[in-house]
Amino acid sequence: MHYPVILYDLDGTLIDTNELIITSFLFTLEKHCPGRYTREDVLRIMGKPLLEQMKYFDEDQAQEMVKTYHQHNESVHDELVREFPKVREVLEKLYKAGAQMAIVSNKRRKVVEMGLKRFGLDQFMQEMVCVGDTSQAKPAPDMILLALEKLKASPEQALMVGDSRYDLLAAERAGVDSVAVGWSLHFDELKSYRPTYIIQDMQELLDIVEIPKVVQGESE
């Protein structure tokens, strides 16, 4: 196996939380900053830690806006979140092949766990690093390095799979190869951050990791 350790961002990578996030932002912004921001403004800053995002919109109200966002996000989470095609199937094959896998997310642990459990993906993850577990979130390398420490792995053994520039920058700074997913809302932007690989289908990850065809469910 070329990459025995695989790290994943969650939102926009394994599960489709795009509408959940955008809806939660628009609800929050309309409550605290009515008429000032649009969907396009939200798309521009997606991927950063939540408090940092709220400070971008209104530094004085940022803390209260985070609370509003959390409350709304959790209330509509299961209704709006979706699973991307082939994710569960691929994770199961990687797990059975012996890959060690972990989530590295700029979200709170509670909501990460909600998303994973919603689609039964938690069973495939050995570790989880969430916002607050390190002094700096992505794009700093700290969260990836902590995940590697937990998994007792070196950067050379690992692959980071993500949908934002923050994932790719964090991977580069941690000395880890990266995969940009083609279903990212920011895909055109990602190419300029020089990911090691680009995939358009989750199934392609099996070939990058070099899972044997027999494990993939194909004949040799």
Foldseek 3Di string as FASTA:
>chain_A
DQALEEEEAPDQFFKDCPCLQLVLLVVLCCVPPNPPDDSVLSVVPPQAQQLVSQCVVPVVCSVVSVVSSVVSSVVCVLVRMGGDPCSVVLLVLSQVLNRAYEYQYQADPVVVVVRCVSVVNVVSHPYYFYNPNDPDHFVALVSVVVVCVVVVHAQSNYEYEYADLRRLNNNVNRNHAYEHEPSHPCNVVVVVSPGVYYDDDPLVVCVVNVPDVVSVVHDD
